[in-house]
Structure formats: structure tokens, C-alpha cells
Protein backbone atom coordinates (compact mmCIF):
# COMPACT_ATOMS: atom_id res chain seq x y z
CA MET A 1 -3.57 112.87 -65.18
CA ALA A 2 -3.30 109.92 -62.75
CA VAL A 3 -0.17 111.08 -60.94
CA THR A 4 -0.50 110.16 -57.28
CA LEU A 5 1.53 111.22 -54.27
CA SER A 6 2.71 107.62 -53.96
CA LEU A 7 4.19 107.71 -57.47
CA LEU A 8 5.93 111.02 -56.76
CA ARG A 9 7.30 109.79 -53.44
CA THR A 10 8.64 106.62 -55.07
CA PHE A 11 10.33 108.55 -57.88
CA VAL A 12 11.98 111.04 -55.49
CA THR A 13 13.18 108.24 -53.21
CA VAL A 14 14.67 106.27 -56.13
CA VAL A 15 16.54 109.35 -57.37
CA ARG A 16 17.83 110.10 -53.89
CA THR A 17 18.95 106.54 -53.13
CA GLY A 18 19.99 105.64 -56.70
CA SER A 19 18.54 102.18 -56.29
CA VAL A 20 15.25 100.33 -56.54
CA THR A 21 16.40 98.04 -53.74
CA ARG A 22 17.24 100.85 -51.30
CA ALA A 23 14.08 102.74 -52.25
CA SER A 24 11.92 99.67 -51.59
CA GLU A 25 13.57 99.19 -48.17
CA GLU A 26 13.00 102.84 -47.22
CA LEU A 27 9.41 102.89 -48.44
CA VAL A 28 8.71 99.40 -47.02
CA VAL A 29 7.29 98.05 -50.29
CA THR A 30 8.42 95.38 -52.73
CA GLN A 31 10.99 96.08 -55.45
CA SER A 32 8.38 95.19 -58.06
CA SER A 33 6.10 97.88 -56.61
CA VAL A 34 8.87 100.46 -56.98
CA SER A 35 9.61 99.42 -60.55
CA GLY A 36 5.91 99.47 -61.38
CA ALA A 37 5.53 102.97 -59.92
CA LEU A 38 8.45 104.26 -62.00
CA ALA A 39 6.97 102.76 -65.14
CA ALA A 40 3.53 104.20 -64.39
CA LEU A 41 4.89 107.68 -63.72
CA SER A 42 7.02 107.60 -66.87
CA LYS A 43 3.95 106.60 -68.86
CA GLU A 44 1.93 109.49 -67.42
CA MET A 45 4.75 111.96 -68.16
CA GLY A 46 5.30 110.56 -71.65
CA GLU A 47 9.05 110.29 -71.05
CA ARG A 48 11.40 107.87 -69.34
CA LEU A 49 12.40 109.46 -66.02
CA VAL A 50 15.25 107.19 -64.83
CA GLU A 51 17.96 105.21 -66.51
CA ARG A 52 20.70 102.75 -65.64
CA ASP A 53 23.95 104.15 -64.23
CA GLY A 54 26.27 101.19 -63.74
CA ARG A 55 24.59 99.10 -61.06
CA GLY A 56 22.27 101.90 -59.96
CA LEU A 57 19.80 104.38 -61.39
CA ARG A 58 19.98 108.07 -62.19
CA PRO A 59 17.42 110.54 -63.57
CA THR A 60 17.27 111.12 -67.28
CA ALA A 61 17.28 114.70 -68.55
CA ALA A 62 13.47 114.57 -68.35
CA GLY A 63 13.64 113.11 -64.85
CA ALA A 64 16.08 115.79 -63.67
CA ALA A 65 13.71 118.47 -64.99
CA PHE A 66 10.74 116.82 -63.26
CA LEU A 67 12.49 116.19 -59.93
CA PRO A 68 12.21 119.69 -58.35
CA HIS A 69 8.51 119.84 -59.20
CA ALA A 70 7.91 116.46 -57.56
CA GLU A 71 9.89 117.54 -54.49
CA ARG A 72 7.94 120.77 -54.27
CA VAL A 73 4.57 118.97 -54.40
CA LEU A 74 5.62 116.60 -51.62
CA ALA A 75 7.06 119.43 -49.52
CA THR A 76 3.87 121.46 -49.97
CA LEU A 77 1.80 118.54 -48.72
CA GLU A 78 4.09 118.12 -45.70
CA ASP A 79 3.83 121.84 -45.01
CA ALA A 80 0.04 121.69 -45.23
CA ALA A 81 -0.07 118.74 -42.81
CA ALA A 82 2.12 120.68 -40.35
CA ALA A 83 -0.23 123.68 -40.62
CA VAL A 84 -3.16 121.43 -39.77
CA ARG A 85 -1.35 119.99 -36.73
CA GLU A 86 -0.45 123.47 -35.50
CA ALA A 87 -4.03 124.67 -35.92
CA ALA A 88 -5.21 121.74 -33.82
CA ASP A 89 -2.57 122.37 -31.12
CA PRO A 90 -1.53 126.04 -31.13
CA THR A 91 0.87 125.52 -28.23
CA ARG A 92 3.34 123.68 -30.48
CA TYR A 93 4.83 125.26 -33.59
CA ARG A 94 7.69 124.17 -35.82
CA LEU A 95 10.20 126.33 -37.70
CA ARG A 96 12.36 124.77 -40.39
CA LEU A 97 15.48 126.86 -40.83
CA ALA A 98 18.16 126.42 -43.49
CA ALA A 99 21.49 128.21 -43.01
CA THR A 100 24.88 128.44 -44.63
CA THR A 101 27.70 126.78 -42.71
CA THR A 102 29.07 130.06 -41.38
CA ALA A 103 25.63 131.28 -40.31
CA ALA A 104 24.75 127.93 -38.73
CA GLU A 105 27.94 127.82 -36.68
CA HIS A 106 28.18 131.47 -35.59
CA LEU A 107 24.77 133.18 -35.92
CA VAL A 108 21.92 130.69 -35.63
CA PRO A 109 22.64 129.51 -32.06
CA VAL A 110 22.61 133.11 -30.83
CA LEU A 111 19.51 133.98 -32.85
CA TRP A 112 17.71 130.87 -31.70
CA LYS A 113 18.41 131.51 -28.03
CA ALA A 114 17.07 135.06 -28.28
CA PHE A 115 14.04 133.99 -30.32
CA ARG A 116 13.22 131.07 -28.00
CA GLN A 117 13.13 133.40 -25.02
CA ARG A 118 10.25 135.16 -26.76
CA HIS A 119 8.63 132.06 -28.31
CA PRO A 120 9.36 128.97 -26.18
CA GLU A 121 6.57 127.08 -27.92
CA VAL A 122 8.46 126.95 -31.25
CA GLU A 123 10.48 123.85 -32.13
CA LEU A 124 13.44 124.29 -34.45
CA SER A 125 14.91 122.05 -37.12
CA LEU A 126 18.03 123.21 -38.97
CA GLU A 127 19.46 122.19 -42.36
CA VAL A 128 23.02 123.32 -43.11
CA GLY A 129 24.56 123.76 -46.56
CA ASN A 130 26.16 126.34 -48.81
CA ARG A 131 24.29 129.35 -50.18
CA ALA A 132 23.01 127.51 -53.25
CA ALA A 133 21.71 124.65 -51.11
CA VAL A 134 19.87 127.02 -48.77
CA ASN A 135 18.21 128.78 -51.70
CA ARG A 136 17.22 125.41 -53.19
CA LEU A 137 15.61 124.21 -49.95
CA LEU A 138 13.56 127.40 -49.76
CA ASP A 139 12.55 127.28 -53.40
CA GLN A 140 11.35 123.67 -52.98
CA TYR A 141 9.44 124.51 -49.77
CA GLN A 142 11.67 122.19 -47.74
CA ALA A 143 12.56 125.04 -45.37
CA ASP A 144 10.45 127.89 -44.05
CA LEU A 145 13.25 130.45 -43.71
CA GLY A 146 16.93 130.72 -44.52
CA ILE A 147 19.88 132.57 -43.00
CA ALA A 148 22.39 133.36 -45.73
CA GLY A 149 23.60 136.08 -48.08
CA PRO A 150 21.28 137.83 -50.54
CA PRO A 151 18.84 135.57 -52.45
CA ILE A 152 20.11 134.17 -55.76
CA ASP A 153 16.68 133.09 -57.02
CA ASN A 154 14.05 135.63 -58.12
CA ARG A 155 11.40 133.47 -56.46
CA LEU A 156 12.94 134.28 -53.08
CA ARG A 157 12.87 137.41 -50.95
CA GLY A 158 15.22 138.52 -48.20
CA LEU A 159 15.37 140.84 -45.20
CA ALA A 160 18.88 142.18 -44.61
CA PHE A 161 19.50 142.32 -40.85
CA LEU A 162 23.24 142.33 -40.16
CA GLU A 163 26.42 143.51 -41.84
CA ASN A 164 28.63 140.73 -43.16
CA GLU A 165 32.19 142.04 -43.51
CA PHE A 166 34.79 139.93 -45.28
CA VAL A 167 38.42 139.86 -44.23
CA LEU A 168 41.50 138.62 -46.11
CA ILE A 169 43.37 136.19 -43.83
CA THR A 170 46.91 134.89 -43.88
CA ALA A 171 49.39 133.11 -41.62
CA PRO A 172 50.93 135.15 -38.75
CA GLU A 173 54.43 134.91 -40.23
CA ASP A 174 53.33 136.50 -43.55
CA ALA A 175 55.43 139.70 -43.82
CA ARG A 176 52.75 141.31 -46.01
CA ALA A 177 50.50 141.58 -42.94
CA ARG A 178 52.89 144.14 -41.45
CA ARG A 179 52.77 146.41 -44.51
CA GLY A 180 50.29 149.12 -45.40
CA PRO A 181 47.33 148.57 -47.70
CA LEU A 182 48.19 146.20 -50.56
CA ALA A 183 47.11 146.51 -54.15
CA LEU A 184 45.37 143.35 -55.29
CA GLU A 185 47.99 142.89 -58.02
CA GLU A 186 50.59 142.42 -55.28
CA LEU A 187 48.77 139.19 -54.38
CA ALA A 188 48.63 137.90 -57.96
CA ASN A 189 51.08 135.06 -57.22
CA ALA A 190 49.36 133.99 -54.03
CA THR A 191 47.34 130.79 -53.74
CA TRP A 192 43.75 131.73 -52.95
CA LEU A 193 41.80 129.18 -50.90
CA VAL A 194 38.11 129.28 -51.78
CA ARG A 195 35.01 127.36 -50.87
CA GLU A 196 33.17 124.99 -53.25
CA PRO A 197 30.88 126.16 -56.10
CA GLY A 198 27.58 127.33 -54.68
CA SER A 199 29.21 128.98 -51.67
CA GLY A 200 28.56 132.66 -51.08
CA SER A 201 32.12 133.34 -49.92
CA ARG A 202 33.46 131.77 -53.11
CA GLU A 203 31.32 134.15 -55.17
CA VAL A 204 32.55 137.14 -53.20
CA SER A 205 36.17 136.01 -53.64
CA LEU A 206 35.80 135.53 -57.40
CA GLU A 207 34.10 138.90 -57.78
CA LEU A 208 36.99 140.60 -55.98
CA LEU A 209 39.61 138.82 -58.06
CA ALA A 210 37.80 139.48 -61.34
CA GLY A 211 37.73 143.17 -60.59
CA GLY A 212 41.34 143.59 -59.61
CA LEU A 213 43.61 140.99 -61.21
CA ALA A 214 44.62 141.05 -64.82
CA GLY A 215 45.77 137.43 -64.89
CA ARG A 216 44.21 134.20 -63.73
CA PRO A 217 44.68 133.65 -59.98
CA ARG A 218 45.75 130.32 -58.47
CA LEU A 219 42.74 128.84 -56.73
CA SER A 220 42.48 125.84 -54.41
CA THR A 221 38.97 124.70 -53.53
CA ILE A 222 38.39 123.61 -49.93
CA GLY A 223 34.93 122.61 -48.76
CA SER A 224 34.69 124.14 -45.28
CA ASP A 225 35.60 127.31 -43.41
CA ALA A 226 37.36 125.27 -40.70
CA ALA A 227 39.61 123.55 -43.25
CA ILE A 228 40.36 126.86 -44.96
CA LYS A 229 41.34 128.50 -41.69
CA ARG A 230 43.61 125.62 -40.74
CA SER A 231 45.23 125.63 -44.18
CA VAL A 232 45.82 129.39 -44.07
CA ALA A 233 47.35 129.11 -40.58
CA LEU A 234 49.83 126.57 -41.97
CA GLY A 235 50.88 128.99 -44.72
CA LEU A 236 49.21 127.13 -47.61
CA GLY A 237 47.52 130.22 -49.02
CA ILE A 238 45.33 133.22 -48.28
CA ALA A 239 41.55 133.42 -48.14
CA LEU A 240 38.73 135.94 -48.16
CA ILE A 241 36.29 134.86 -45.46
CA SER A 242 33.43 136.29 -43.43
CA ARG A 243 34.74 138.01 -40.31
CA THR A 244 31.92 136.22 -38.48
CA ALA A 245 33.78 132.96 -39.06
CA VAL A 246 37.24 134.13 -38.07
CA ASP A 247 36.92 136.65 -35.23
CA HIS A 248 38.27 134.22 -32.64
CA GLU A 249 41.39 133.31 -34.66
CA LEU A 250 42.14 136.98 -35.37
CA ASP A 251 41.80 137.79 -31.67
CA ASP A 252 44.13 135.03 -30.48
CA GLY A 253 46.71 135.57 -33.28
CA THR A 254 46.25 132.16 -34.96
CA LEU A 255 45.50 134.16 -38.12
CA VAL A 256 46.14 137.75 -39.17
CA SER A 257 44.52 139.96 -41.76
CA LEU A 258 45.92 141.60 -44.84
CA SER A 259 44.97 145.19 -45.54
CA LEU A 260 43.72 145.79 -49.08
CA ALA A 261 43.75 149.15 -50.83
CA GLY A 262 40.09 150.02 -51.29
CA GLY A 263 39.06 147.71 -48.47
CA THR A 264 37.46 144.28 -48.45
CA PRO A 265 33.88 143.50 -49.53
CA VAL A 266 30.92 143.99 -47.23
CA ARG A 267 27.66 142.14 -47.79
CA ALA A 268 24.67 141.54 -45.50
CA TRP A 269 23.20 138.56 -43.73
CA HIS A 270 19.59 137.99 -44.82
CA ALA A 271 16.55 136.16 -43.54
CA LEU A 272 15.27 134.49 -46.73
CA PHE A 273 11.87 133.13 -47.63
CA ALA A 274 9.99 131.92 -50.71
CA ALA A 275 7.82 134.74 -52.05
CA ASP A 276 4.92 132.49 -53.03
CA ALA A 277 4.97 130.07 -50.05
CA PRO A 278 2.33 130.32 -47.35
CA ARG A 279 4.06 131.26 -44.09
CA ARG A 280 2.96 129.62 -40.90
CA THR A 281 2.88 131.23 -37.45
CA ALA A 282 6.44 130.37 -36.44
CA ALA A 283 7.96 131.76 -39.64
CA GLU A 284 5.95 134.98 -39.33
CA ALA A 285 7.13 135.33 -35.73
CA PHE A 286 10.77 134.91 -36.71
CA LEU A 287 10.45 137.48 -39.53
CA ALA A 288 8.92 139.93 -37.04
CA PHE A 289 11.87 139.20 -34.74
CA VAL A 290 14.17 140.20 -37.63
CA ARG A 291 12.17 143.27 -38.69
CA ARG A 292 12.11 144.72 -35.16
CA GLY A 293 15.90 144.59 -35.05
CA ASP A 294 15.90 141.96 -32.31
CA ALA A 295 17.99 139.54 -34.39
CA ALA A 296 20.76 142.08 -35.04
CA GLN A 297 20.66 143.21 -31.40
CA ALA A 298 21.10 139.62 -30.16
CA ILE A 299 24.25 139.21 -32.28
CA THR A 300 25.58 142.62 -31.16
CA ASP A 301 24.96 141.83 -27.50
CA ARG A 302 26.72 138.48 -27.85
CA GLN A 303 29.74 140.05 -29.48
CA THR A 304 29.89 142.76 -26.81
CA ALA A 305 29.87 140.08 -24.11
CA LEU A 306 32.68 138.18 -25.81
CA ASP A 307 34.76 141.36 -26.19
CA ALA A 308 34.32 142.41 -22.56
CA PRO A 309 37.28 141.85 -20.19
CA THR A 310 37.13 138.67 -18.20
CA ALA A 311 36.28 139.17 -14.52
CA GLY A 312 39.42 138.80 -12.41
CA GLY A 313 41.69 139.30 -15.41
CA PRO A 314 44.77 141.49 -15.48
CA GLU A 315 44.19 145.14 -14.63
CA THR A 316 45.49 148.03 -16.64
CA THR A 317 47.21 150.69 -14.54
CA GLY A 318 47.99 154.23 -15.50
CA SER A 319 51.49 155.70 -15.42
């Protein structure tokens, strides 16, 4: 089969840009070269891989099925080239992390600081997305490791390293926050603010609601933790969110928590990796950092420092 890397790269670029013109500009080739490559690849596959979509192009059903395989081949080649460069210069290593938004904002900076103190030779790149996006990047070899909830793909493996407690948040003026534990049915008429499909926190929210509400809850989809927190603070609804993402707001009173009978869900943060992908030196070092407990300890130490009284602050006197 005469499928070359050039043909695969052209096809992936056309799908990503949705245009022969934009693909030709990015690849620095003529438009006729791009069109010819698409035709040649379709001929080799025996099926048309792209089709017109208004003024642009989109993958056909066959093209959509072929796309992840093409991306994986290209990513594998890039990974192999990086391994060669690292072997030639063992003082410089690269680690490609992918993390969910919550993990990227609240965990990864702390983890990276602690890891870099042990491995200053490792360079980091970070991709941020929801849980489904992180799993997809790992499955397609476009990331070495992920920081997210448990794997959702059986081709991935995960090391749990830190508890991920969820908390149900509401506005400070919500009278329900001053009551004892609430049955979930008492919140049946509430508007639940949830993340987009593919988000781990959305899955946890829907699992909780499915197990405790007889009717269909009112859901509003909001695509970021920051927007959800702001909306909850303005009284637009309630939300189940990782405590990692909301500790500061709970401490300063911007948001308050609702107590649920039976408690709120607890999951775990995982370091994820593709089971069948070759792992380079930097990835192995980071997994060892996780296995030793250093990752969890770095987060614990950071939280302890944040919780400690500020020097020169008000003193507490006995009576």
C-alpha cells in the first residue's frame, strides 16, 4: 500500500483546517498538491475520505473512521523522533502532559514545581481539555501522560495518587446551606449547572442525580469551572464541583456548600498513560514521582502552606 507520511499529514491538516486553501498555506505546498494528495489517499483506501461542507471540507464517515489512525501514525513518528533526539542529548528531555481544566489550573503547577526540583533537565508542554479530550490525546499518542479522573478507555491505564472530593456549592444567601443534611429530592426543583459533555465533573453530577432523583432535573450546561462558580455565586443555580477547584471561594465565603445526606461523591486524581505506548525517560521519571507518593505530598504540602496563618496576622487570645 503506497500510503506515505506526506499523504497522511495532508489529510489530517485538511480535516483540521476544513479547507484545501488553509491546508496548502500551512503545509507550504500548492492547492493542487493538496487536492492530489487527497485523491491519492482516497484511491489507496478505496473510499472517499473528505466531502464538501458548504464552502469547506469535512471528513466522510470513512474519513472520520480513518482520522484517528492517521493521527496516531503521525504522533508515533513524532514520538520516535523525540526519542532519537533525547538519546543523542540525554541532558534535555521533554514531557508532554495533558490535563483536565481543573487539574491544569490547580494541580499541575504544584506538581511541576516539585518534579522540576528533582528533574531540572525535563521540559514540559501542557495540553488542557476536558476528561474526554485528555483520554483522546493519550490514546492517539499526542501526550505522554495525563492528569485527570479514572481512564475511560480500556487502552489506557492510570495510577491513582490523590483523593478528589466533590462538593455541592450554592450562593451564600441560600437558606438551605444553613440546614442539616439534605435529601437529594429536596433539590429536585433546583437548576443544576454542569460542565459540557466529555467533562468528568459532568459525569459525576449525572451519576449522582440518576441515583437519587425520580424526575428529570433541570440542567444548564456551562463550559468552564470559572463560569460555573460565578453563576452559582449570583444565585443562578447549584453545582457539584471538585473541591480542588473551589477551596478558595469556600474559604472566603464567596460560595458555600450544601450538605447532602449520604455525602458527596469522592473520586481520585490519576496519572494516565497509554498501555501500549513506549514511554520515554521523562514519562518514566514522572510516573516514579507519582508512585513514590511525591506527587500527593507536594499537593498536601502546598495546601498546608495555604491553610497556615499569615505571619503578622491577628492573634488569638485565650479568656
